[in-house]
PDB file of N, CA and C in Angstrom:
ATOM      1  N   MET A   1      10.374  45.216 188.762  1.00  0.00           N
ATOM      2  CA  MET A   1      10.512  44.585 190.141  1.00  0.00           C
ATOM      3  C   MET A   1      10.378  43.131 189.759  1.00  0.00           C
ATOM      4  N   THR A   2      11.307  42.285 190.409  1.00  0.00           N
ATOM      5  CA  THR A   2      11.289  40.852 190.218  1.00  0.00           C
ATOM      6  C   THR A   2      10.031  40.288 190.921  1.00  0.00           C
ATOM      7  N   SER A   3       9.641  39.154 190.401  1.00  0.00           N
ATOM      8  CA  SER A   3       8.348  38.482 191.089  1.00  0.00           C
ATOM      9  C   SER A   3       8.723  37.970 192.545  1.00  0.00           C
ATOM     10  N   MET A   4       9.837  37.528 192.813  1.00  0.00           N
ATOM     11  CA  MET A   4      10.199  37.098 194.206  1.00  0.00           C
ATOM     12  C   MET A   4      10.074  38.385 195.201  1.00  0.00           C
ATOM     13  N   ARG A   5      10.728  39.518 194.579  1.00  0.00           N
ATOM     14  CA  ARG A   5      10.706  40.765 195.420  1.00  0.00           C
ATOM     15  C   ARG A   5       9.443  41.292 195.654  1.00  0.00           C
ATOM     16  N   VAL A   6       8.530  41.164 194.834  1.00  0.00           N
ATOM     17  CA  VAL A   6       7.072  41.715 194.936  1.00  0.00           C
ATOM     18  C   VAL A   6       6.429  40.871 196.100  1.00  0.00           C
ATOM     19  N   LEU A   7       6.502  39.729 195.965  1.00  0.00           N
ATOM     20  CA  LEU A   7       5.893  38.771 197.038  1.00  0.00           C
ATOM     21  C   LEU A   7       6.594  38.955 198.362  1.00  0.00           C
ATOM     22  N   ALA A   8       7.845  39.083 198.341  1.00  0.00           N
ATOM     23  CA  ALA A   8       8.580  39.347 199.599  1.00  0.00           C
ATOM     24  C   ALA A   8       8.180  40.584 200.174  1.00  0.00           C
ATOM     25  N   ILE A   9       7.983  41.702 199.396  1.00  0.00           N
ATOM     26  CA  ILE A   9       7.507  42.865 200.017  1.00  0.00           C
ATOM     27  C   ILE A   9       6.099  42.755 200.521  1.00  0.00           C
ATOM     28  N   ALA A  10       5.234  42.289 199.771  1.00  0.00           N
ATOM     29  CA  ALA A  10       3.869  42.027 200.218  1.00  0.00           C
ATOM     30  C   ALA A  10       3.701  41.280 201.449  1.00  0.00           C
ATOM     31  N   ALA A  11       4.595  40.204 201.660  1.00  0.00           N
ATOM     32  CA  ALA A  11       4.691  39.255 202.833  1.00  0.00           C
ATOM     33  C   ALA A  11       5.153  40.142 203.997  1.00  0.00           C
ATOM     34  N   ALA A  12       6.150  40.896 203.770  1.00  0.00           N
ATOM     35  CA  ALA A  12       6.871  41.606 204.784  1.00  0.00           C
ATOM     36  C   ALA A  12       5.884  42.688 205.408  1.00  0.00           C
ATOM     37  N   LEU A  13       5.082  43.308 204.551  1.00  0.00           N
ATOM     38  CA  LEU A  13       4.263  44.284 205.093  1.00  0.00           C
ATOM     39  C   LEU A  13       3.182  43.834 206.067  1.00  0.00           C
ATOM     40  N   THR A  14       3.001  42.404 206.006  1.00  0.00           N
ATOM     41  CA  THR A  14       1.930  41.964 207.028  1.00  0.00           C
ATOM     42  C   THR A  14       2.460  40.802 207.849  1.00  0.00           C
ATOM     43  N   SER A  15       3.749  40.536 207.743  1.00  0.00           N
ATOM     44  CA  SER A  15       4.360  39.477 208.704  1.00  0.00           C
ATOM     45  C   SER A  15       4.959  39.996 209.730  1.00  0.00           C
ATOM     46  N   LEU A  16       5.105  39.109 210.854  1.00  0.00           N
ATOM     47  CA  LEU A  16       5.846  39.505 212.106  1.00  0.00           C
ATOM     48  C   LEU A  16       6.560  38.239 212.605  1.00  0.00           C
ATOM     49  N   SER A  17       7.476  38.511 213.495  1.00  0.00           N
ATOM     50  CA  SER A  17       8.152  37.235 213.903  1.00  0.00           C
ATOM     51  C   SER A  17       7.073  36.607 214.953  1.00  0.00           C
ATOM     52  N   PRO A  18       7.373  35.220 215.224  1.00  0.00           N
ATOM     53  CA  PRO A  18       6.466  34.404 216.127  1.00  0.00           C
ATOM     54  C   PRO A  18       6.304  35.206 217.394  1.00  0.00           C
ATOM     55  N   ALA A  19       7.435  35.848 217.945  1.00  0.00           N
ATOM     56  CA  ALA A  19       7.271  36.495 219.266  1.00  0.00           C
ATOM     57  C   ALA A  19       6.324  37.646 219.177  1.00  0.00           C
ATOM     58  N   ALA A  20       6.027  38.165 218.138  1.00  0.00           N
ATOM     59  CA  ALA A  20       4.971  39.137 217.997  1.00  0.00           C
ATOM     60  C   ALA A  20       3.503  38.723 217.815  1.00  0.00           C
ATOM     61  N   TYR A  21       3.356  37.541 217.699  1.00  0.00           N
ATOM     62  CA  TYR A  21       2.075  36.952 217.676  1.00  0.00           C
ATOM     63  C   TYR A  21       1.099  37.158 218.784  1.00  0.00           C
ATOM     64  N   ALA A  22       1.697  37.553 219.934  1.00  0.00           N
ATOM     65  CA  ALA A  22       0.842  37.883 221.207  1.00  0.00           C
ATOM     66  C   ALA A  22      -0.103  38.966 220.935  1.00  0.00           C
ATOM     67  N   ASN A  23       0.326  39.928 219.983  1.00  0.00           N
ATOM     68  CA  ASN A  23      -0.466  41.066 219.618  1.00  0.00           C
ATOM     69  C   ASN A  23      -1.215  40.873 218.324  1.00  0.00           C
ATOM     70  N   ASP A  24      -2.368  40.138 218.537  1.00  0.00           N
ATOM     71  CA  ASP A  24      -3.192  39.681 217.310  1.00  0.00           C
ATOM     72  C   ASP A  24      -3.406  40.717 216.228  1.00  0.00           C
ATOM     73  N   ALA A  25      -3.856  41.998 216.731  1.00  0.00           N
ATOM     74  CA  ALA A  25      -4.157  43.040 215.793  1.00  0.00           C
ATOM     75  C   ALA A  25      -2.960  43.393 214.762  1.00  0.00           C
ATOM     76  N   SER A  26      -1.789  43.190 215.275  1.00  0.00           N
ATOM     77  CA  SER A  26      -0.583  43.482 214.483  1.00  0.00           C
ATOM     78  C   SER A  26      -0.431  42.632 213.319  1.00  0.00           C
ATOM     79  N   ARG A  27      -1.129  41.472 213.217  1.00  0.00           N
ATOM     80  CA  ARG A  27      -0.890  40.750 212.023  1.00  0.00           C
ATOM     81  C   ARG A  27      -1.685  41.131 210.727  1.00  0.00           C
ATOM     82  N   CYS A  28      -2.483  42.157 210.963  1.00  0.00           N
ATOM     83  CA  CYS A  28      -3.277  42.682 209.792  1.00  0.00           C
ATOM     84  C   CYS A  28      -2.915  44.161 209.438  1.00  0.00           C
ATOM     85  N   VAL A  29      -2.977  44.317 208.055  1.00  0.00           N
ATOM     86  CA  VAL A  29      -2.895  45.681 207.534  1.00  0.00           C
ATOM     87  C   VAL A  29      -4.059  45.991 206.576  1.00  0.00           C
ATOM     88  N   ASP A  30      -4.159  47.215 206.212  1.00  0.00           N
ATOM     89  CA  ASP A  30      -5.167  47.566 205.160  1.00  0.00           C
ATOM     90  C   ASP A  30      -4.892  46.812 204.029  1.00  0.00           C
ATOM     91  N   VAL A  31      -5.920  46.139 203.492  1.00  0.00           N
ATOM     92  CA  VAL A  31      -5.839  45.171 202.236  1.00  0.00           C
ATOM     93  C   VAL A  31      -5.126  45.904 200.949  1.00  0.00           C
ATOM     94  N   SER A  32      -5.276  47.215 200.950  1.00  0.00           N
ATOM     95  CA  SER A  32      -4.807  48.110 199.910  1.00  0.00           C
ATOM     96  C   SER A  32      -3.229  47.867 199.881  1.00  0.00           C
ATOM     97  N   VAL A  33      -2.642  47.876 201.036  1.00  0.00           N
ATOM     98  CA  VAL A  33      -1.268  47.788 201.014  1.00  0.00           C
ATOM     99  C   VAL A  33      -0.567  46.558 200.272  1.00  0.00           C
ATOM    100  N   PRO A  34      -0.963  45.307 200.657  1.00  0.00           N
ATOM    101  CA  PRO A  34      -0.308  44.291 199.914  1.00  0.00           C
ATOM    102  C   PRO A  34      -0.911  44.182 198.423  1.00  0.00           C
ATOM    103  N   ARG A  35      -2.158  44.592 198.233  1.00  0.00           N
ATOM    104  CA  ARG A  35      -2.654  44.638 196.922  1.00  0.00           C
ATOM    105  C   ARG A  35      -2.028  45.466 195.955  1.00  0.00           C
ATOM    106  N   LYS A  36      -1.709  46.782 196.414  1.00  0.00           N
ATOM    107  CA  LYS A  36      -1.137  47.701 195.608  1.00  0.00           C
ATOM    108  C   LYS A  36       0.414  47.206 195.363  1.00  0.00           C
ATOM    109  N   ALA A  37       1.134  46.614 196.223  1.00  0.00           N
ATOM    110  CA  ALA A  37       2.430  45.998 196.077  1.00  0.00           C
ATOM    111  C   ALA A  37       2.346  44.951 194.983  1.00  0.00           C
ATOM    112  N   VAL A  38       1.529  44.102 195.014  1.00  0.00           N
ATOM    113  CA  VAL A  38       1.258  43.057 193.952  1.00  0.00           C
ATOM    114  C   VAL A  38       1.028  43.757 192.517  1.00  0.00           C
ATOM    115  N   GLU A  39       0.012  44.596 192.608  1.00  0.00           N
ATOM    116  CA  GLU A  39      -0.335  45.282 191.289  1.00  0.00           C
ATOM    117  C   GLU A  39       0.954  46.118 190.741  1.00  0.00           C
ATOM    118  N   ALA A  40       1.620  46.719 191.560  1.00  0.00           N
ATOM    119  CA  ALA A  40       2.890  47.452 191.055  1.00  0.00           C
ATOM    120  C   ALA A  40       3.828  46.574 190.374  1.00  0.00           C
ATOM    121  N   GLY A  41       3.892  45.514 190.929  1.00  0.00           N
ATOM    122  CA  GLY A  41       4.770  44.392 190.273  1.00  0.00           C
ATOM    123  C   GLY A  41       4.090  43.732 189.190  1.00  0.00           C
ATOM    124  N   LYS A  42       3.125  44.191 188.571  1.00  0.00           N
ATOM    125  CA  LYS A  42       2.484  43.527 187.438  1.00  0.00           C
ATOM    126  C   LYS A  42       1.772  42.130 187.841  1.00  0.00           C
ATOM    127  N   GLY A  43       1.430  41.970 189.074  1.00  0.00           N
ATOM    128  CA  GLY A  43       1.132  40.746 189.602  1.00  0.00           C
ATOM    129  C   GLY A  43      -0.584  40.751 189.466  1.00  0.00           C
ATOM    130  N   GLN A  44      -1.165  39.559 190.049  1.00  0.00           N
ATOM    131  CA  GLN A  44      -2.589  39.360 190.051  1.00  0.00           C
ATOM    132  C   GLN A  44      -2.936  39.237 191.507  1.00  0.00           C
ATOM    133  N   TRP A  45      -4.116  39.962 191.847  1.00  0.00           N
ATOM    134  CA  TRP A  45      -4.788  39.687 193.206  1.00  0.00           C
ATOM    135  C   TRP A  45      -6.034  38.999 192.756  1.00  0.00           C
ATOM    136  N   ILE A  46      -6.240  37.825 193.232  1.00  0.00           N
ATOM    137  CA  ILE A  46      -7.250  36.886 192.911  1.00  0.00           C
ATOM    138  C   ILE A  46      -8.158  36.590 194.211  1.00  0.00           C
ATOM    139  N   GLU A  47      -9.430  37.034 194.117  1.00  0.00           N
ATOM    140  CA  GLU A  47     -10.367  36.584 195.140  1.00  0.00           C
ATOM    141  C   GLU A  47     -10.657  35.282 195.063  1.00  0.00           C
ATOM    142  N   LEU A  48     -10.531  34.445 196.296  1.00  0.00           N
ATOM    143  CA  LEU A  48     -10.758  32.940 196.166  1.00  0.00           C
ATOM    144  C   LEU A  48     -12.297  32.714 196.498  1.00  0.00           C
ATOM    145  N   THR A  49     -12.634  31.635 196.297  1.00  0.00           N
ATOM    146  CA  THR A  49     -14.081  31.110 196.486  1.00  0.00           C
ATOM    147  C   THR A  49     -14.206  30.691 198.043  1.00  0.00           C
ATOM    148  N   ALA A  50     -15.499  30.752 198.411  1.00  0.00           N
ATOM    149  CA  ALA A  50     -15.780  30.284 199.807  1.00  0.00           C
ATOM    150  C   ALA A  50     -15.172  28.820 200.061  1.00  0.00           C
ATOM    151  N   ASP A  51     -15.307  27.930 199.005  1.00  0.00           N
ATOM    152  CA  ASP A  51     -14.705  26.532 199.308  1.00  0.00           C
ATOM    153  C   ASP A  51     -13.223  26.618 199.352  1.00  0.00           C
ATOM    154  N   GLN A  52     -12.599  27.343 198.493  1.00  0.00           N
ATOM    155  CA  GLN A  52     -11.091  27.471 198.518  1.00  0.00           C
ATOM    156  C   GLN A  52     -10.657  28.075 199.893  1.00  0.00           C
ATOM    157  N   TRP A  53     -11.434  29.009 200.390  1.00  0.00           N
ATOM    158  CA  TRP A  53     -11.123  29.682 201.699  1.00  0.00           C
ATOM    159  C   TRP A  53     -11.222  28.663 202.770  1.00  0.00           C
ATOM    160  N   GLU A  54     -12.279  27.834 202.679  1.00  0.00           N
ATOM    161  CA  GLU A  54     -12.384  26.741 203.795  1.00  0.00           C
ATOM    162  C   GLU A  54     -11.304  25.905 203.768  1.00  0.00           C
ATOM    163  N   PHE A  55     -10.920  25.400 202.592  1.00  0.00           N
ATOM    164  CA  PHE A  55      -9.787  24.445 202.372  1.00  0.00           C
ATOM    165  C   PHE A  55      -8.577  25.075 202.860  1.00  0.00           C
ATOM    166  N   LEU A  56      -8.219  26.296 202.553  1.00  0.00           N
ATOM    167  CA  LEU A  56      -7.035  26.858 203.031  1.00  0.00           C
ATOM    168  C   LEU A  56      -7.022  27.284 204.554  1.00  0.00           C
ATOM    169  N   ARG A  57      -8.187  27.330 205.117  1.00  0.00           N
ATOM    170  CA  ARG A  57      -8.190  27.516 206.704  1.00  0.00           C
ATOM    171  C   ARG A  57      -7.566  26.231 207.190  1.00  0.00           C
ATOM    172  N   GLY A  58      -7.975  25.035 206.720  1.00  0.00           N
ATOM    173  CA  GLY A  58      -7.431  23.772 207.187  1.00  0.00           C
ATOM    174  C   GLY A  58      -6.026  23.686 206.918  1.00  0.00           C
ATOM    175  N   VAL A  59      -5.401  24.083 205.697  1.00  0.00           N
ATOM    176  CA  VAL A  59      -4.014  23.916 205.514  1.00  0.00           C
ATOM    177  C   VAL A  59      -3.377  24.878 206.393  1.00  0.00           C
ATOM    178  N   TYR A  60      -3.844  26.014 206.587  1.00  0.00           N
ATOM    179  CA  TYR A  60      -3.196  27.103 207.581  1.00  0.00           C
ATOM    180  C   TYR A  60      -3.162  26.473 208.970  1.00  0.00           C
ATOM    181  N   ALA A  61      -4.200  25.969 209.448  1.00  0.00           N
ATOM    182  CA  ALA A  61      -4.085  25.359 210.886  1.00  0.00           C
ATOM    183  C   ALA A  61      -3.114  24.263 211.084  1.00  0.00           C
ATOM    184  N   MET A  62      -2.747  23.595 210.032  1.00  0.00           N
ATOM    185  CA  MET A  62      -1.807  22.519 210.149  1.00  0.00           C
ATOM    186  C   MET A  62      -0.447  22.835 209.715  1.00  0.00           C
ATOM    187  N   ASN A  63      -0.316  23.957 209.176  1.00  0.00           N
ATOM    188  CA  ASN A  63       0.949  24.427 208.651  1.00  0.00           C
ATOM    189  C   ASN A  63       1.936  24.867 209.784  1.00  0.00           C
ATOM    190  N   PRO A  64       2.943  24.209 209.950  1.00  0.00           N
ATOM    191  CA  PRO A  64       3.939  24.601 211.225  1.00  0.00           C
ATOM    192  C   PRO A  64       4.552  25.985 210.955  1.00  0.00           C
ATOM    193  N   LEU A  65       4.496  26.617 209.769  1.00  0.00           N
ATOM    194  CA  LEU A  65       5.037  27.855 209.519  1.00  0.00           C
ATOM    195  C   LEU A  65       4.076  29.018 209.750  1.00  0.00           C
ATOM    196  N   THR A  66       2.848  28.681 210.129  1.00  0.00           N
ATOM    197  CA  THR A  66       1.822  29.769 210.494  1.00  0.00           C
ATOM    198  C   THR A  66       1.502  29.805 211.927  1.00  0.00           C
ATOM    199  N   PRO A  67       1.034  30.815 212.436  1.00  0.00           N
ATOM    200  CA  PRO A  67       0.604  30.847 213.937  1.00  0.00           C
ATOM    201  C   PRO A  67      -0.366  29.854 214.187  1.00  0.00           C
ATOM    202  N   PRO A  68      -0.519  29.367 215.430  1.00  0.00           N
ATOM    203  CA  PRO A  68      -1.386  28.264 215.869  1.00  0.00           C
ATOM    204  C   PRO A  68      -2.888  28.728 215.699  1.00  0.00           C
ATOM    205  N   GLY A  69      -3.701  27.872 215.389  1.00  0.00           N
ATOM    206  CA  GLY A  69      -5.271  28.121 215.283  1.00  0.00           C
ATOM    207  C   GLY A  69      -5.580  28.428 213.837  1.00  0.00           C
ATOM    208  N   LEU A  70      -6.831  29.081 213.662  1.00  0.00           N
ATOM    209  CA  LEU A  70      -7.311  29.347 212.316  1.00  0.00           C
ATOM    210  C   LEU A  70      -6.983  30.678 212.134  1.00  0.00           C
ATOM    211  N   PRO A  71      -7.048  31.027 210.815  1.00  0.00           N
ATOM    212  CA  PRO A  71      -6.743  32.512 210.439  1.00  0.00           C
ATOM    213  C   PRO A  71      -7.845  33.366 210.518  1.00  0.00           C
ATOM    214  N   TYR A  72      -7.673  34.733 210.565  1.00  0.00           N
ATOM    215  CA  TYR A  72      -8.698  35.695 210.745  1.00  0.00           C
ATOM    216  C   TYR A  72      -9.361  35.626 209.525  1.00  0.00           C
ATOM    217  N   GLY A  73     -10.699  36.269 209.714  1.00  0.00           N
ATOM    218  CA  GLY A  73     -11.546  36.686 208.376  1.00  0.00           C
ATOM    219  C   GLY A  73     -12.443  35.706 207.963  1.00  0.00           C
ATOM    220  N   ASP A  74     -13.135  36.029 206.779  1.00  0.00           N
ATOM    221  CA  ASP A  74     -14.108  35.178 206.236  1.00  0.00           C
ATOM    222  C   ASP A  74     -13.928  35.043 204.707  1.00  0.00           C
ATOM    223  N   LYS A  75     -12.736  35.549 204.148  1.00  0.00           N
ATOM    224  CA  LYS A  75     -12.386  35.395 202.833  1.00  0.00           C
ATOM    225  C   LYS A  75     -10.957  35.269 202.723  1.00  0.00           C
ATOM    226  N   ALA A  76     -10.492  34.954 201.400  1.00  0.00           N
ATOM    227  CA  ALA A  76      -9.066  34.830 201.166  1.00  0.00           C
ATOM    228  C   ALA A  76      -8.814  35.370 199.680  1.00  0.00           C
ATOM    229  N   ALA A  77      -7.580  35.891 199.483  1.00  0.00           N
ATOM    230  CA  ALA A  77      -7.161  36.326 198.201  1.00  0.00           C
ATOM    231  C   ALA A  77      -5.740  35.663 197.944  1.00  0.00           C
ATOM    232  N   LEU A  78      -5.525  35.435 196.740  1.00  0.00           N
ATOM    233  CA  LEU A  78      -4.237  34.936 196.199  1.00  0.00           C
ATOM    234  C   LEU A  78      -3.441  36.124 195.500  1.00  0.00           C
ATOM    235  N   ALA A  79      -2.266  36.184 195.791  1.00  0.00           N
ATOM    236  CA  ALA A  79      -1.381  37.193 195.238  1.00  0.00           C
ATOM    237  C   ALA A  79      -0.323  36.305 194.436  1.00  0.00           C
ATOM    238  N   ARG A  80      -0.354  36.670 193.049  1.00  0.00           N
ATOM    239  CA  ARG A  80       0.558  35.975 192.189  1.00  0.00           C
ATOM    240  C   ARG A  80       1.269  36.955 191.179  1.00  0.00           C
ATOM    241  N   VAL A  81       2.454  36.454 191.052  1.00  0.00           N
ATOM    242  CA  VAL A  81       3.215  37.464 190.208  1.00  0.00           C
ATOM    243  C   VAL A  81       3.957  36.750 189.081  1.00  0.00           C
ATOM    244  N   GLU A  82       4.231  37.363 187.917  1.00  0.00           N
ATOM    245  CA  GLU A  82       4.720  36.552 186.703  1.00  0.00           C
ATOM    246  C   GLU A  82       6.238  36.112 187.087  1.00  0.00           C
ATOM    247  N   GLY A  83       6.521  34.842 186.749  1.00  0.00           N
ATOM    248  CA  GLY A  83       7.866  34.363 186.883  1.00  0.00           C
ATOM    249  C   GLY A  83       8.027  33.563 188.172  1.00  0.00           C
ATOM    250  N   ASN A  84       6.765  33.519 189.000  1.00  0.00           N
ATOM    251  CA  ASN A  84       6.908  32.742 190.196  1.00  0.00           C
ATOM    252  C   ASN A  84       5.605  31.655 190.059  1.00  0.00           C
ATOM    253  N   ASP A  85       6.132  30.348 190.235  1.00  0.00           N
ATOM    254  CA  ASP A  85       5.123  29.292 190.177  1.00  0.00           C
ATOM    255  C   ASP A  85       4.109  29.289 191.331  1.00  0.00           C
ATOM    256  N   GLY A  86       4.550  29.792 192.405  1.00  0.00           N
ATOM    257  CA  GLY A  86       3.671  29.856 193.766  1.00  0.00           C
ATOM    258  C   GLY A  86       2.978  31.182 193.727  1.00  0.00           C
ATOM    259  N   GLY A  87       2.523  31.385 195.002  1.00  0.00           N
ATOM    260  CA  GLY A  87       1.811  32.680 195.302  1.00  0.00           C
ATOM    261  C   GLY A  87       1.763  32.774 196.778  1.00  0.00           C
ATOM    262  N   LEU A  88       0.913  33.816 197.208  1.00  0.00           N
ATOM    263  CA  LEU A  88       0.870  34.106 198.652  1.00  0.00           C
ATOM    264  C   LEU A  88      -0.544  34.377 198.967  1.00  0.00           C
ATOM    265  N   VAL A  89      -1.049  33.635 199.848  1.00  0.00           N
ATOM    266  CA  VAL A  89      -2.383  33.656 200.378  1.00  0.00           C
ATOM    267  C   VAL A  89      -2.515  34.726 201.516  1.00  0.00           C
ATOM    268  N   PHE A  90      -3.551  35.556 201.408  1.00  0.00           N
ATOM    269  CA  PHE A  90      -3.870  36.399 202.421  1.00  0.00           C
ATOM    270  C   PHE A  90      -5.238  36.140 202.917  1.00  0.00           C
ATOM    271  N   PHE A  91      -5.493  36.140 204.129  1.00  0.00           N
ATOM    272  CA  PHE A  91      -6.818  35.892 204.663  1.00  0.00           C
ATOM    273  C   PHE A  91      -7.366  37.167 205.067  1.00  0.00           C
ATOM    274  N   LEU A  92      -8.552  37.468 204.553  1.00  0.00           N
ATOM    275  CA  LEU A  92      -9.144  38.855 204.577  1.00  0.00           C
ATOM    276  C   LEU A  92     -10.296  39.009 205.676  1.00  0.00           C
ATOM    277  N   ASP A  93     -10.089  39.986 206.479  1.00  0.00           N
ATOM    278  CA  ASP A  93     -10.970  40.282 207.441  1.00  0.00           C
ATOM    279  C   ASP A  93     -11.463  41.682 207.279  1.00  0.00           C
ATOM    280  N   GLY A  94     -12.654  41.763 206.600  1.00  0.00           N
ATOM    281  CA  GLY A  94     -13.270  43.060 206.248  1.00  0.00           C
ATOM    282  C   GLY A  94     -12.240  43.696 205.235  1.00  0.00           C
ATOM    283  N   ASN A  95     -11.702  44.935 205.595  1.00  0.00           N
ATOM    284  CA  ASN A  95     -10.748  45.620 204.778  1.00  0.00           C
ATOM    285  C   ASN A  95      -9.362  45.378 205.093  1.00  0.00           C
ATOM    286  N   LEU A  96      -9.147  44.238 205.995  1.00  0.00           N
ATOM    287  CA  LEU A  96      -7.834  43.893 206.451  1.00  0.00           C
ATOM    288  C   LEU A  96      -7.274  42.648 205.799  1.00  0.00           C
ATOM    289  N   ALA A  97      -6.002  42.702 205.442  1.00  0.00           N
ATOM    290  CA  ALA A  97      -5.319  41.395 204.878  1.00  0.00           C
ATOM    291  C   ALA A  97      -4.460  41.069 206.048  1.00  0.00           C
ATOM    292  N   CYS A  98      -4.665  39.725 206.443  1.00  0.00           N
ATOM    293  CA  CYS A  98      -4.041  39.206 207.560  1.00  0.00           C
ATOM    294  C   CYS A  98      -3.096  37.851 207.206  1.00  0.00           C
ATOM    295  N   THR A  99      -2.307  37.669 208.177  1.00  0.00           N
ATOM    296  CA  THR A  99      -1.441  36.520 208.132  1.00  0.00           C
ATOM    297  C   THR A  99      -1.280  35.806 206.819  1.00  0.00           C
ATOM    298  N   PRO A 100      -0.241  36.321 206.087  1.00  0.00           N
ATOM    299  CA  PRO A 100      -0.008  35.597 204.685  1.00  0.00           C
ATOM    300  C   PRO A 100       0.562  34.437 204.932  1.00  0.00           C
ATOM    301  N   MET A 101       0.268  33.478 203.764  1.00  0.00           N
ATOM    302  CA  MET A 101       0.825  32.161 203.963  1.00  0.00           C
ATOM    303  C   MET A 101       1.349  31.705 202.529  1.00  0.00           C
ATOM    304  N   ALA A 102       2.495  31.241 202.376  1.00  0.00           N
ATOM    305  CA  ALA A 102       3.061  30.885 201.154  1.00  0.00           C
ATOM    306  C   ALA A 102       2.216  29.825 200.503  1.00  0.00           C
ATOM    307  N   ALA A 103       2.085  29.951 199.243  1.00  0.00           N
ATOM    308  CA  ALA A 103       1.231  28.824 198.367  1.00  0.00           C
ATOM    309  C   ALA A 103       2.141  28.453 197.359  1.00  0.00           C
ATOM    310  N   PRO A 104       2.799  27.120 197.534  1.00  0.00           N
ATOM    311  CA  PRO A 104       3.728  26.572 196.605  1.00  0.00           C
ATOM    312  C   PRO A 104       2.806  26.094 195.375  1.00  0.00           C
ATOM    313  N   LYS A 105       3.488  25.810 194.236  1.00  0.00           N
ATOM    314  CA  LYS A 105       2.820  25.281 193.069  1.00  0.00           C
ATOM    315  C   LYS A 105       1.855  24.192 193.369  1.00  0.00           C
ATOM    316  N   ALA A 106       2.231  23.257 194.241  1.00  0.00           N
ATOM    317  CA  ALA A 106       1.436  22.080 194.508  1.00  0.00           C
ATOM    318  C   ALA A 106       0.196  22.479 195.159  1.00  0.00           C
ATOM    319  N   LEU A 107       0.238  23.372 196.125  1.00  0.00           N
ATOM    320  CA  LEU A 107      -0.921  23.892 196.701  1.00  0.00           C
ATOM    321  C   LEU A 107      -1.908  24.525 195.755  1.00  0.00           C
ATOM    322  N   LEU A 108      -1.359  25.322 194.846  1.00  0.00           N
ATOM    323  CA  LEU A 108      -2.233  25.963 193.779  1.00  0.00           C
ATOM    324  C   LEU A 108      -2.818  24.955 192.971  1.00  0.00           C
ATOM    325  N   ALA A 109      -2.325  23.884 192.753  1.00  0.00           N
ATOM    326  CA  ALA A 109      -2.957  22.745 191.926  1.00  0.00           C
ATOM    327  C   ALA A 109      -4.224  22.241 192.730  1.00  0.00           C
ATOM    328  N   LEU A 110      -4.008  22.002 194.020  1.00  0.00           N
ATOM    329  CA  LEU A 110      -5.170  21.588 194.895  1.00  0.00           C
ATOM    330  C   LEU A 110      -6.226  22.702 194.881  1.00  0.00           C
ATOM    331  N   LEU A 111      -5.861  23.900 194.944  1.00  0.00           N
ATOM    332  CA  LEU A 111      -6.822  25.033 194.910  1.00  0.00           C
ATOM    333  C   LEU A 111      -7.603  25.013 193.751  1.00  0.00           C
ATOM    334  N   ASP A 112      -6.983  24.760 192.541  1.00  0.00           N
ATOM    335  CA  ASP A 112      -7.811  24.618 191.273  1.00  0.00           C
ATOM    336  C   ASP A 112      -8.743  23.479 191.343  1.00  0.00           C
ATOM    337  N   ALA A 113      -8.362  22.352 192.064  1.00  0.00           N
ATOM    338  CA  ALA A 113      -9.254  21.222 192.036  1.00  0.00           C
ATOM    339  C   ALA A 113     -10.419  21.537 193.035  1.00  0.00           C
ATOM    340  N   VAL A 114     -10.239  22.274 194.081  1.00  0.00           N
ATOM    341  CA  VAL A 114     -11.424  22.677 194.914  1.00  0.00           C
ATOM    342  C   VAL A 114     -12.302  23.559 194.236  1.00  0.00           C
ATOM    343  N   ALA A 115     -11.607  24.470 193.541  1.00  0.00           N
ATOM    344  CA  ALA A 115     -12.539  25.381 192.698  1.00  0.00           C
ATOM    345  C   ALA A 115     -13.520  24.685 191.769  1.00  0.00           C
ATOM    346  N   THR A 116     -12.879  23.656 191.156  1.00  0.00           N
ATOM    347  CA  THR A 116     -13.664  22.894 190.002  1.00  0.00           C
ATOM    348  C   THR A 116     -14.289  21.805 190.525  1.00  0.00           C
ATOM    349  N   ALA A 117     -14.483  21.514 191.987  1.00  0.00           N
ATOM    350  CA  ALA A 117     -15.057  20.394 192.595  1.00  0.00           C
ATOM    351  C   ALA A 117     -14.545  19.076 192.018  1.00  0.00           C
ATOM    352  N   THR A 118     -13.158  18.953 191.693  1.00  0.00           N
ATOM    353  CA  THR A 118     -12.602  17.834 191.235  1.00  0.00           C
ATOM    354  C   THR A 118     -12.341  16.881 192.282  1.00  0.00           C
ATOM    355  N   ILE A 119     -12.981  15.615 192.096  1.00  0.00           N
ATOM    356  CA  ILE A 119     -12.733  14.613 193.142  1.00  0.00           C
ATOM    357  C   ILE A 119     -11.961  13.457 192.616  1.00  0.00           C
ATOM    358  N   ALA A 120     -10.941  13.063 193.264  1.00  0.00           N
ATOM    359  CA  ALA A 120      -9.953  12.065 192.722  1.00  0.00           C
ATOM    360  C   ALA A 120     -10.432  10.681 193.525  1.00  0.00           C
ATOM    361  N   HIS A 121     -10.500   9.565 192.803  1.00  0.00           N
ATOM    362  CA  HIS A 121     -10.637   8.283 193.436  1.00  0.00           C
ATOM    363  C   HIS A 121      -9.623   7.439 193.060  1.00  0.00           C
ATOM    364  N   GLU A 122      -9.134   6.631 194.097  1.00  0.00           N
ATOM    365  CA  GLU A 122      -8.151   5.618 193.899  1.00  0.00           C
ATOM    366  C   GLU A 122      -8.831   4.248 193.756  1.00  0.00           C
ATOM    367  N   GLY A 123      -8.339   3.587 192.643  1.00  0.00           N
ATOM    368  CA  GLY A 123      -8.852   2.239 192.491  1.00  0.00           C
ATOM    369  C   GLY A 123     -10.240   2.169 192.191  1.00  0.00           C
ATOM    370  N   SER A 124     -10.813   0.976 192.159  1.00  0.00           N
ATOM    371  CA  SER A 124     -12.401   0.810 191.824  1.00  0.00           C
ATOM    372  C   SER A 124     -13.217   0.730 192.869  1.00  0.00           C
ATOM    373  N   GLY A 125     -12.799   0.954 194.122  1.00  0.00           N
ATOM    374  CA  GLY A 125     -13.588   0.943 195.263  1.00  0.00           C
ATOM    375  C   GLY A 125     -13.742  -0.443 195.878  1.00  0.00           C
ATOM    376  N   LEU A 126     -14.872  -0.594 196.729  1.00  0.00           N
ATOM    377  CA  LEU A 126     -14.938  -1.851 197.496  1.00  0.00           C
ATOM    378  C   LEU A 126     -15.669  -2.806 196.602  1.00  0.00           C
TER     379      LEU A 126
END
């Protein structure tokens, strides 16, 4: 199975059209569903740190492609598959995977910086 196809299947399993956002419970599925789809495609399911989750909540809230507000849950996982520079973030609420969000390569680089507490400074300061 191609990497794009695996991520598309995982996203499709948990995505709905914006018109369906009125029914909040419908945006979540059992976490085993997307996880098994990713693993079947020889992908990785990566549990993210609390700091990465907090960072991604802000990204999600400002992303025009996600529903308004903050995502569900208190954790996040990143789905990655071979041959794809990006990934798919799932916000986890107990045993539910909710509201997937695309994670392009640039966002993954920022996630790495958050995980390692890397702070970039511009110039020499005041």
